[in-house]
Amino acid sequence: MVVAPERRTENVPRHVAVIMDANGRWAETRGLPRLDGHAAGTENIREIIRLFGERGVRVLTLYAFSTENWRRPPDEVRGLMTILSRVIEREVQPLHEAGVQLRYIGQLDVLNPALRRQIRHAVALTAGNTAMTVCVAFNYGGRTEVVEAIRRIVAEGVPAAEIDEALVSRHLYTDGLPDPDLIIRTGGQQRLSNFLIWQAAYAEYFFTHTYWPDFSRADIDEALAAYARRVRKFGGLARGRVRAADAAGRQHG
């Protein structure tokens, strides 16, 4: 596996976040147990990372398990923990060799000790890599993240008048990373599901009916092409195509 960008242009998002949905439905349509769908959803992760990296995406965040997922049947939850452990064991070394830095965002302390050790090892092993950053959101909830950030700020004794957006951002799990430019959700649902709710304030969204285990090169290219056609205003002046058009006008004027 080699992560080497083919191009890096203004119309390629720096940070893409993916809600990897519909593993269970993928399995059910095939008459398989839901856990088979979750396992199938891990088979193409290395390839998906490579493809996004080739297209110039520098940060990829994958929503693997939410804080609400604990409400699922106990056997399914245990199976998901086992699947994550196997994925870490299988994928960390190839990703490390490709220069990928792995980050974990979520509540680590409630996971079992063996899984916590695996995650910490993966994060430490790849900490110096710079080709691309992949964040795994596991036992993650956006509201919980914001609450934890506020608690840390209060514990540090920061005066209320000194609390601003930049300070809150520095206390989030994603400190040091750019906010997502594009959020993709597979499986046909059109909701955020408590994912990066602070960071996604100005993100673009792309929803596809493709189930996550079937997500492929064609889906990536469709999502990135849709993003490239959009004009991002951030509540003010337009960016992207309008800015590029202005620059072209100045060049030829």
C-alpha atoms as a PDB file:
ATOM      1  CA  MET A   1       0.000   0.000   0.000  1.00  0.00           C
ATOM      2  CA  VAL A   2       1.314   3.426  -0.971  1.00  0.00           C
ATOM      3  CA  VAL A   3      -0.378   6.703  -0.062  1.00  0.00           C
ATOM      4  CA  ALA A   4       0.868   9.182  -2.660  1.00  0.00           C
ATOM      5  CA  PRO A   5      -1.386  12.038  -3.784  1.00  0.00           C
ATOM      6  CA  GLU A   6      -1.992  12.288  -7.515  1.00  0.00           C
ATOM      7  CA  ARG A   7      -3.079  15.892  -7.115  1.00  0.00           C
ATOM      8  CA  ARG A   8      -3.797  18.482  -4.488  1.00  0.00           C
ATOM      9  CA  THR A   9      -5.973  21.322  -5.727  1.00  0.00           C
ATOM     10  CA  GLU A  10      -8.290  23.860  -4.184  1.00  0.00           C
ATOM     11  CA  ASN A  11     -11.302  21.750  -5.174  1.00  0.00           C
ATOM     12  CA  VAL A  12     -10.093  18.664  -3.265  1.00  0.00           C
ATOM     13  CA  PRO A  13     -11.187  18.613   0.390  1.00  0.00           C
ATOM     14  CA  ARG A  14      -8.355  18.493   2.899  1.00  0.00           C
ATOM     15  CA  HIS A  15     -10.466  16.579   5.416  1.00  0.00           C
ATOM     16  CA  VAL A  16     -13.142  14.038   4.520  1.00  0.00           C
ATOM     17  CA  ALA A  17     -15.233  12.366   7.220  1.00  0.00           C
ATOM     18  CA  VAL A  18     -17.301   9.251   6.515  1.00  0.00           C
ATOM     19  CA  ILE A  19     -20.294   7.855   8.380  1.00  0.00           C
ATOM     20  CA  MET A  20     -19.886   4.184   7.479  1.00  0.00           C
ATOM     21  CA  ASP A  21     -23.529   3.145   7.527  1.00  0.00           C
ATOM     22  CA  ALA A  22     -25.625   0.142   6.444  1.00  0.00           C
ATOM     23  CA  ASN A  23     -23.306  -2.768   7.238  1.00  0.00           C
ATOM     24  CA  GLY A  24     -26.214  -4.548   8.936  1.00  0.00           C
ATOM     25  CA  ARG A  25     -28.599  -3.909   6.055  1.00  0.00           C
ATOM     26  CA  TRP A  26     -25.947  -5.145   3.608  1.00  0.00           C
ATOM     27  CA  ALA A  27     -25.859  -8.449   5.511  1.00  0.00           C
ATOM     28  CA  GLU A  28     -29.638  -8.715   5.858  1.00  0.00           C
ATOM     29  CA  THR A  29     -30.165  -8.348   2.103  1.00  0.00           C
ATOM     30  CA  ARG A  30     -27.908 -11.382   1.695  1.00  0.00           C
ATOM     31  CA  GLY A  31     -29.513 -13.448   4.431  1.00  0.00           C
ATOM     32  CA  LEU A  32     -26.398 -13.151   6.600  1.00  0.00           C
ATOM     33  CA  PRO A  33     -25.959 -12.267  10.297  1.00  0.00           C
ATOM     34  CA  ARG A  34     -25.478  -8.551  10.948  1.00  0.00           C
ATOM     35  CA  LEU A  35     -21.958  -9.161  12.245  1.00  0.00           C
ATOM     36  CA  ASP A  36     -21.007 -10.538   8.837  1.00  0.00           C
ATOM     37  CA  GLY A  37     -21.935  -7.146   7.447  1.00  0.00           C
ATOM     38  CA  HIS A  38     -19.748  -5.348   9.968  1.00  0.00           C
ATOM     39  CA  ALA A  39     -16.857  -7.658   9.119  1.00  0.00           C
ATOM     40  CA  ALA A  40     -17.412  -7.076   5.398  1.00  0.00           C
ATOM     41  CA  GLY A  41     -17.301  -3.336   6.057  1.00  0.00           C
ATOM     42  CA  THR A  42     -13.686  -3.616   7.194  1.00  0.00           C
ATOM     43  CA  GLU A  43     -12.404  -5.477   4.152  1.00  0.00           C
ATOM     44  CA  ASN A  44     -11.946  -2.424   1.948  1.00  0.00           C
ATOM     45  CA  ILE A  45     -10.737   0.090   4.558  1.00  0.00           C
ATOM     46  CA  ARG A  46      -7.089  -0.051   3.464  1.00  0.00           C
ATOM     47  CA  GLU A  47      -8.099   0.463  -0.167  1.00  0.00           C
ATOM     48  CA  ILE A  48     -10.473   3.313   0.715  1.00  0.00           C
ATOM     49  CA  ILE A  49      -7.686   5.066   2.638  1.00  0.00           C
ATOM     50  CA  ARG A  50      -5.315   4.627  -0.298  1.00  0.00           C
ATOM     51  CA  LEU A  51      -7.821   5.997  -2.807  1.00  0.00           C
ATOM     52  CA  PHE A  52      -8.626   9.093  -0.751  1.00  0.00           C
ATOM     53  CA  GLY A  53      -4.903   9.669  -0.211  1.00  0.00           C
ATOM     54  CA  GLU A  54      -4.192   9.402  -3.929  1.00  0.00           C
ATOM     55  CA  ARG A  55      -6.807  12.024  -4.629  1.00  0.00           C
ATOM     56  CA  GLY A  56      -5.146  14.519  -2.313  1.00  0.00           C
ATOM     57  CA  VAL A  57      -7.210  14.152   0.862  1.00  0.00           C
ATOM     58  CA  ARG A  58      -4.892  14.707   3.806  1.00  0.00           C
ATOM     59  CA  VAL A  59      -7.200  13.759   6.699  1.00  0.00           C
ATOM     60  CA  LEU A  60      -9.803  10.978   6.671  1.00  0.00           C
ATOM     61  CA  THR A  61     -12.091  10.380   9.656  1.00  0.00           C
ATOM     62  CA  LEU A  62     -14.078   7.145   9.825  1.00  0.00           C
ATOM     63  CA  TYR A  63     -17.123   6.881  12.119  1.00  0.00           C
ATOM     64  CA  ALA A  64     -16.954   3.266  13.267  1.00  0.00           C
ATOM     65  CA  PHE A  65     -18.928   3.073  16.546  1.00  0.00           C
ATOM     66  CA  SER A  66     -21.037   5.722  18.267  1.00  0.00           C
ATOM     67  CA  THR A  67     -21.779   6.143  21.956  1.00  0.00           C
ATOM     68  CA  GLU A  68     -25.385   5.227  21.078  1.00  0.00           C
ATOM     69  CA  ASN A  69     -24.292   1.898  19.558  1.00  0.00           C
ATOM     70  CA  TRP A  70     -23.995   0.422  23.072  1.00  0.00           C
ATOM     71  CA  ARG A  71     -27.808   0.066  22.909  1.00  0.00           C
ATOM     72  CA  ARG A  72     -27.473  -2.665  20.311  1.00  0.00           C
ATOM     73  CA  PRO A  73     -27.822  -6.328  21.354  1.00  0.00           C
ATOM     74  CA  PRO A  74     -24.898  -7.416  23.605  1.00  0.00           C
ATOM     75  CA  ASP A  75     -23.737 -10.086  21.164  1.00  0.00           C
ATOM     76  CA  GLU A  76     -23.496  -7.520  18.370  1.00  0.00           C
ATOM     77  CA  VAL A  77     -21.567  -5.074  20.577  1.00  0.00           C
ATOM     78  CA  ARG A  78     -19.108  -7.774  21.639  1.00  0.00           C
ATOM     79  CA  GLY A  79     -18.696  -8.782  18.026  1.00  0.00           C
ATOM     80  CA  LEU A  80     -17.947  -5.184  17.005  1.00  0.00           C
ATOM     81  CA  MET A  81     -15.221  -4.967  19.643  1.00  0.00           C
ATOM     82  CA  THR A  82     -13.681  -8.185  18.340  1.00  0.00           C
ATOM     83  CA  ILE A  83     -13.836  -6.907  14.762  1.00  0.00           C
ATOM     84  CA  LEU A  84     -12.071  -3.660  15.721  1.00  0.00           C
ATOM     85  CA  SER A  85      -9.337  -5.630  17.470  1.00  0.00           C
ATOM     86  CA  ARG A  86      -8.803  -7.793  14.378  1.00  0.00           C
ATOM     87  CA  VAL A  87      -8.732  -4.767  12.087  1.00  0.00           C
ATOM     88  CA  ILE A  88      -6.077  -3.074  14.215  1.00  0.00           C
ATOM     89  CA  GLU A  89      -3.972  -6.243  14.234  1.00  0.00           C
ATOM     90  CA  ARG A  90      -4.298  -6.638  10.458  1.00  0.00           C
ATOM     91  CA  GLU A  91      -4.022  -3.057   9.250  1.00  0.00           C
ATOM     92  CA  VAL A  92      -1.708  -1.097  11.537  1.00  0.00           C
ATOM     93  CA  GLN A  93       1.599  -2.280  10.111  1.00  0.00           C
ATOM     94  CA  PRO A  94       0.682  -1.768   6.419  1.00  0.00           C
ATOM     95  CA  LEU A  95      -0.708   1.679   7.219  1.00  0.00           C
ATOM     96  CA  HIS A  96       2.409   2.535   9.204  1.00  0.00           C
ATOM     97  CA  GLU A  97       4.633   1.464   6.312  1.00  0.00           C
ATOM     98  CA  ALA A  98       2.563   3.692   4.010  1.00  0.00           C
ATOM     99  CA  GLY A  99       3.225   6.702   6.237  1.00  0.00           C
ATOM    100  CA  VAL A 100      -0.290   6.974   7.634  1.00  0.00           C
ATOM    101  CA  GLN A 101      -0.708   8.525  11.068  1.00  0.00           C
ATOM    102  CA  LEU A 102      -3.546   6.955  13.050  1.00  0.00           C
ATOM    103  CA  ARG A 103      -5.531   8.937  15.582  1.00  0.00           C
ATOM    104  CA  TYR A 104      -8.313   7.834  17.876  1.00  0.00           C
ATOM    105  CA  ILE A 105     -11.260  10.064  18.753  1.00  0.00           C
ATOM    106  CA  GLY A 106     -13.783   8.926  21.318  1.00  0.00           C
ATOM    107  CA  GLN A 107     -14.048   7.696  24.896  1.00  0.00           C
ATOM    108  CA  LEU A 108     -11.213   5.229  25.311  1.00  0.00           C
ATOM    109  CA  ASP A 109     -11.489   4.495  29.030  1.00  0.00           C
ATOM    110  CA  VAL A 110     -14.698   2.435  28.818  1.00  0.00           C
ATOM    111  CA  LEU A 111     -13.252  -0.052  26.317  1.00  0.00           C
ATOM    112  CA  ASN A 112     -11.729  -3.281  27.566  1.00  0.00           C
ATOM    113  CA  PRO A 113      -8.047  -3.075  28.616  1.00  0.00           C
ATOM    114  CA  ALA A 114      -6.698  -5.236  25.785  1.00  0.00           C
ATOM    115  CA  LEU A 115      -8.435  -3.120  23.150  1.00  0.00           C
ATOM    116  CA  ARG A 116      -7.238   0.081  24.821  1.00  0.00           C
ATOM    117  CA  ARG A 117      -3.649  -1.195  24.644  1.00  0.00           C
ATOM    118  CA  GLN A 118      -4.022  -2.028  20.959  1.00  0.00           C
ATOM    119  CA  ILE A 119      -5.370   1.426  20.153  1.00  0.00           C
ATOM    120  CA  ARG A 120      -2.676   3.215  22.153  1.00  0.00           C
ATOM    121  CA  HIS A 121       0.032   1.123  20.489  1.00  0.00           C
ATOM    122  CA  ALA A 122      -1.308   1.916  17.018  1.00  0.00           C
ATOM    123  CA  VAL A 123      -1.476   5.636  17.790  1.00  0.00           C
ATOM    124  CA  ALA A 124       2.034   5.694  19.284  1.00  0.00           C
ATOM    125  CA  LEU A 125       3.559   3.601  16.481  1.00  0.00           C
ATOM    126  CA  THR A 126       2.276   5.891  13.729  1.00  0.00           C
ATOM    127  CA  ALA A 127       2.565   9.226  15.545  1.00  0.00           C
ATOM    128  CA  GLY A 128       5.472  10.464  13.443  1.00  0.00           C
ATOM    129  CA  ASN A 129       3.952   9.653  10.058  1.00  0.00           C
ATOM    130  CA  THR A 130       3.056  12.522   7.746  1.00  0.00           C
ATOM    131  CA  ALA A 131       1.725  11.112   4.464  1.00  0.00           C
ATOM    132  CA  MET A 132      -1.885  11.164   5.660  1.00  0.00           C
ATOM    133  CA  THR A 133      -3.877  11.195   8.905  1.00  0.00           C
ATOM    134  CA  VAL A 134      -6.665   8.687   9.536  1.00  0.00           C
ATOM    135  CA  CYS A 135      -8.893   9.250  12.567  1.00  0.00           C
ATOM    136  CA  VAL A 136     -10.962   6.353  13.875  1.00  0.00           C
ATOM    137  CA  ALA A 137     -14.060   7.541  15.715  1.00  0.00           C
ATOM    138  CA  PHE A 138     -14.926   4.628  17.988  1.00  0.00           C
ATOM    139  CA  ASN A 139     -17.184   5.029  21.011  1.00  0.00           C
ATOM    140  CA  TYR A 140     -17.558   8.580  19.783  1.00  0.00           C
ATOM    141  CA  GLY A 141     -20.389  11.058  20.319  1.00  0.00           C
ATOM    142  CA  GLY A 142     -20.321  14.684  19.237  1.00  0.00           C
ATOM    143  CA  ARG A 143     -22.324  16.036  22.179  1.00  0.00           C
ATOM    144  CA  THR A 144     -20.204  14.091  24.650  1.00  0.00           C
ATOM    145  CA  GLU A 145     -17.074  15.497  23.017  1.00  0.00           C
ATOM    146  CA  VAL A 146     -18.299  19.080  23.493  1.00  0.00           C
ATOM    147  CA  VAL A 147     -19.353  18.425  27.098  1.00  0.00           C
ATOM    148  CA  GLU A 148     -15.937  16.925  27.895  1.00  0.00           C
ATOM    149  CA  ALA A 149     -14.233  19.940  26.326  1.00  0.00           C
ATOM    150  CA  ILE A 150     -16.285  22.330  28.473  1.00  0.00           C
ATOM    151  CA  ARG A 151     -15.504  20.328  31.592  1.00  0.00           C
ATOM    152  CA  ARG A 152     -11.772  20.520  30.890  1.00  0.00           C
ATOM    153  CA  ILE A 153     -11.967  24.256  30.305  1.00  0.00           C
ATOM    154  CA  VAL A 154     -13.830  24.744  33.588  1.00  0.00           C
ATOM    155  CA  ALA A 155     -11.356  22.501  35.423  1.00  0.00           C
ATOM    156  CA  GLU A 156      -8.504  24.659  34.114  1.00  0.00           C
ATOM    157  CA  GLY A 157     -10.137  27.695  35.681  1.00  0.00           C
ATOM    158  CA  VAL A 158     -10.438  29.688  32.451  1.00  0.00           C
ATOM    159  CA  PRO A 159     -12.462  32.886  33.037  1.00  0.00           C
ATOM    160  CA  ALA A 160     -15.759  32.929  31.152  1.00  0.00           C
ATOM    161  CA  ALA A 161     -14.772  36.051  29.207  1.00  0.00           C
ATOM    162  CA  GLU A 162     -11.741  34.225  27.766  1.00  0.00           C
ATOM    163  CA  ILE A 163     -13.709  31.272  26.372  1.00  0.00           C
ATOM    164  CA  ASP A 164     -14.051  31.511  22.605  1.00  0.00           C
ATOM    165  CA  GLU A 165     -14.466  29.140  19.669  1.00  0.00           C
ATOM    166  CA  ALA A 166     -10.725  28.648  19.245  1.00  0.00           C
ATOM    167  CA  LEU A 167     -10.352  27.612  22.889  1.00  0.00           C
ATOM    168  CA  VAL A 168     -13.205  25.097  22.633  1.00  0.00           C
ATOM    169  CA  SER A 169     -11.702  23.662  19.435  1.00  0.00           C
ATOM    170  CA  ARG A 170      -8.357  23.144  21.161  1.00  0.00           C
ATOM    171  CA  HIS A 171     -10.090  21.028  23.816  1.00  0.00           C
ATOM    172  CA  LEU A 172     -11.837  18.724  21.344  1.00  0.00           C
ATOM    173  CA  TYR A 173     -10.572  15.275  20.330  1.00  0.00           C
ATOM    174  CA  THR A 174      -9.663  16.728  16.923  1.00  0.00           C
ATOM    175  CA  ASP A 175      -7.293  19.385  18.267  1.00  0.00           C
ATOM    176  CA  GLY A 176      -4.687  20.203  15.643  1.00  0.00           C
ATOM    177  CA  LEU A 177      -6.710  18.897  12.707  1.00  0.00           C
ATOM    178  CA  PRO A 178      -8.620  20.953  10.133  1.00  0.00           C
ATOM    179  CA  ASP A 179     -12.400  20.828  10.328  1.00  0.00           C
ATOM    180  CA  PRO A 180     -13.998  18.453   7.817  1.00  0.00           C
ATOM    181  CA  ASP A 181     -14.661  19.971   4.416  1.00  0.00           C
ATOM    182  CA  LEU A 182     -16.812  17.060   3.258  1.00  0.00           C
ATOM    183  CA  ILE A 183     -18.903  14.548   5.189  1.00  0.00           C
ATOM    184  CA  ILE A 184     -20.058  11.431   3.346  1.00  0.00           C
ATOM    185  CA  ARG A 185     -22.784   9.134   4.649  1.00  0.00           C
ATOM    186  CA  THR A 186     -23.418   5.763   3.040  1.00  0.00           C
ATOM    187  CA  GLY A 187     -26.608   3.712   3.190  1.00  0.00           C
ATOM    188  CA  GLY A 188     -29.195   6.274   2.111  1.00  0.00           C
ATOM    189  CA  GLN A 189     -29.888   7.993   5.438  1.00  0.00           C
ATOM    190  CA  GLN A 190     -29.576  11.786   5.537  1.00  0.00           C
ATOM    191  CA  ARG A 191     -28.668  12.786   9.067  1.00  0.00           C
ATOM    192  CA  LEU A 192     -25.530  13.623  11.024  1.00  0.00           C
ATOM    193  CA  SER A 193     -26.077  11.147  13.889  1.00  0.00           C
ATOM    194  CA  ASN A 194     -24.118  13.099  16.505  1.00  0.00           C
ATOM    195  CA  PHE A 195     -20.948  13.082  14.394  1.00  0.00           C
ATOM    196  CA  LEU A 196     -18.466  15.977  14.568  1.00  0.00           C
ATOM    197  CA  ILE A 197     -21.308  18.369  15.336  1.00  0.00           C
ATOM    198  CA  TRP A 198     -18.964  21.229  16.322  1.00  0.00           C
ATOM    199  CA  GLN A 199     -16.411  20.652  13.581  1.00  0.00           C
ATOM    200  CA  ALA A 200     -19.008  20.193  10.821  1.00  0.00           C
ATOM    201  CA  ALA A 201     -20.430  23.716  11.083  1.00  0.00           C
ATOM    202  CA  TYR A 202     -19.444  24.558   7.489  1.00  0.00           C
ATOM    203  CA  ALA A 203     -18.915  21.106   6.024  1.00  0.00           C
ATOM    204  CA  GLU A 204     -20.451  20.028   2.731  1.00  0.00           C
ATOM    205  CA  TYR A 205     -22.514  16.808   2.781  1.00  0.00           C
ATOM    206  CA  PHE A 206     -22.781  13.958   0.325  1.00  0.00           C
ATOM    207  CA  PHE A 207     -25.311  11.158   0.820  1.00  0.00           C
ATOM    208  CA  THR A 208     -25.195   7.940  -1.155  1.00  0.00           C
ATOM    209  CA  HIS A 209     -27.479   4.891  -1.193  1.00  0.00           C
ATOM    210  CA  THR A 210     -24.435   2.626  -1.511  1.00  0.00           C
ATOM    211  CA  TYR A 211     -24.019   0.406   1.553  1.00  0.00           C
ATOM    212  CA  TRP A 212     -20.628   0.807   3.207  1.00  0.00           C
ATOM    213  CA  PRO A 213     -19.255  -2.683   2.308  1.00  0.00           C
ATOM    214  CA  ASP A 214     -19.884  -1.822  -1.365  1.00  0.00           C
ATOM    215  CA  PHE A 215     -18.352   1.674  -1.176  1.00  0.00           C
ATOM    216  CA  SER A 216     -15.771   1.883  -3.944  1.00  0.00           C
ATOM    217  CA  ARG A 217     -13.549   4.013  -6.159  1.00  0.00           C
ATOM    218  CA  ALA A 218     -16.598   5.115  -8.176  1.00  0.00           C
ATOM    219  CA  ASP A 219     -18.393   6.333  -5.051  1.00  0.00           C
ATOM    220  CA  ILE A 220     -15.312   8.258  -3.904  1.00  0.00           C
ATOM    221  CA  ASP A 221     -14.950   9.947  -7.267  1.00  0.00           C
ATOM    222  CA  GLU A 222     -18.667  10.811  -7.366  1.00  0.00           C
ATOM    223  CA  ALA A 223     -18.495  12.397  -3.902  1.00  0.00           C
ATOM    224  CA  LEU A 224     -15.341  14.375  -4.685  1.00  0.00           C
ATOM    225  CA  ALA A 225     -16.757  15.545  -8.009  1.00  0.00           C
ATOM    226  CA  ALA A 226     -19.921  16.760  -6.271  1.00  0.00           C
ATOM    227  CA  TYR A 227     -17.788  18.622  -3.722  1.00  0.00           C
ATOM    228  CA  ALA A 228     -15.692  20.262  -6.457  1.00  0.00           C
ATOM    229  CA  ARG A 229     -18.845  21.672  -8.102  1.00  0.00           C
ATOM    230  CA  ARG A 230     -20.023  23.429  -4.953  1.00  0.00           C
ATOM    231  CA  VAL A 231     -19.371  27.044  -3.985  1.00  0.00           C
ATOM    232  CA  ARG A 232     -18.474  27.357  -0.308  1.00  0.00           C
ATOM    233  CA  LYS A 233     -19.395  30.673   1.328  1.00  0.00           C
ATOM    234  CA  PHE A 234     -18.701  30.079   5.053  1.00  0.00           C
ATOM    235  CA  GLY A 235     -21.367  32.635   5.885  1.00  0.00           C
ATOM    236  CA  GLY A 236     -19.628  35.312   3.829  1.00  0.00           C
ATOM    237  CA  LEU A 237     -17.724  35.625   0.581  1.00  0.00           C
ATOM    238  CA  ALA A 238     -17.888  32.669  -1.756  1.00  0.00           C
ATOM    239  CA  ARG A 239     -14.879  30.405  -2.105  1.00  0.00           C
ATOM    240  CA  GLY A 240     -13.947  27.676  -4.552  1.00  0.00           C
ATOM    241  CA  ARG A 241     -15.233  28.146  -8.091  1.00  0.00           C
ATOM    242  CA  VAL A 242     -16.110  31.823  -7.630  1.00  0.00           C
ATOM    243  CA  ARG A 243     -12.650  32.677  -6.300  1.00  0.00           C
ATOM    244  CA  ALA A 244     -11.042  30.691  -9.103  1.00  0.00           C
ATOM    245  CA  ALA A 245     -13.200  32.501 -11.664  1.00  0.00           C
ATOM    246  CA  ASP A 246     -12.194  35.863 -10.220  1.00  0.00           C
ATOM    247  CA  ALA A 247      -8.532  34.896 -10.459  1.00  0.00           C
ATOM    248  CA  ALA A 248      -8.981  33.828 -14.074  1.00  0.00           C
ATOM    249  CA  GLY A 249     -10.719  37.104 -14.841  1.00  0.00           C
ATOM    250  CA  ARG A 250      -7.847  39.109 -13.369  1.00  0.00           C
ATOM    251  CA  GLN A 251      -5.344  37.063 -15.355  1.00  0.00           C
ATOM    252  CA  HIS A 252      -7.072  37.696 -18.675  1.00  0.00           C
ATOM    253  CA  GLY A 253      -8.429  41.170 -17.958  1.00  0.00           C
END
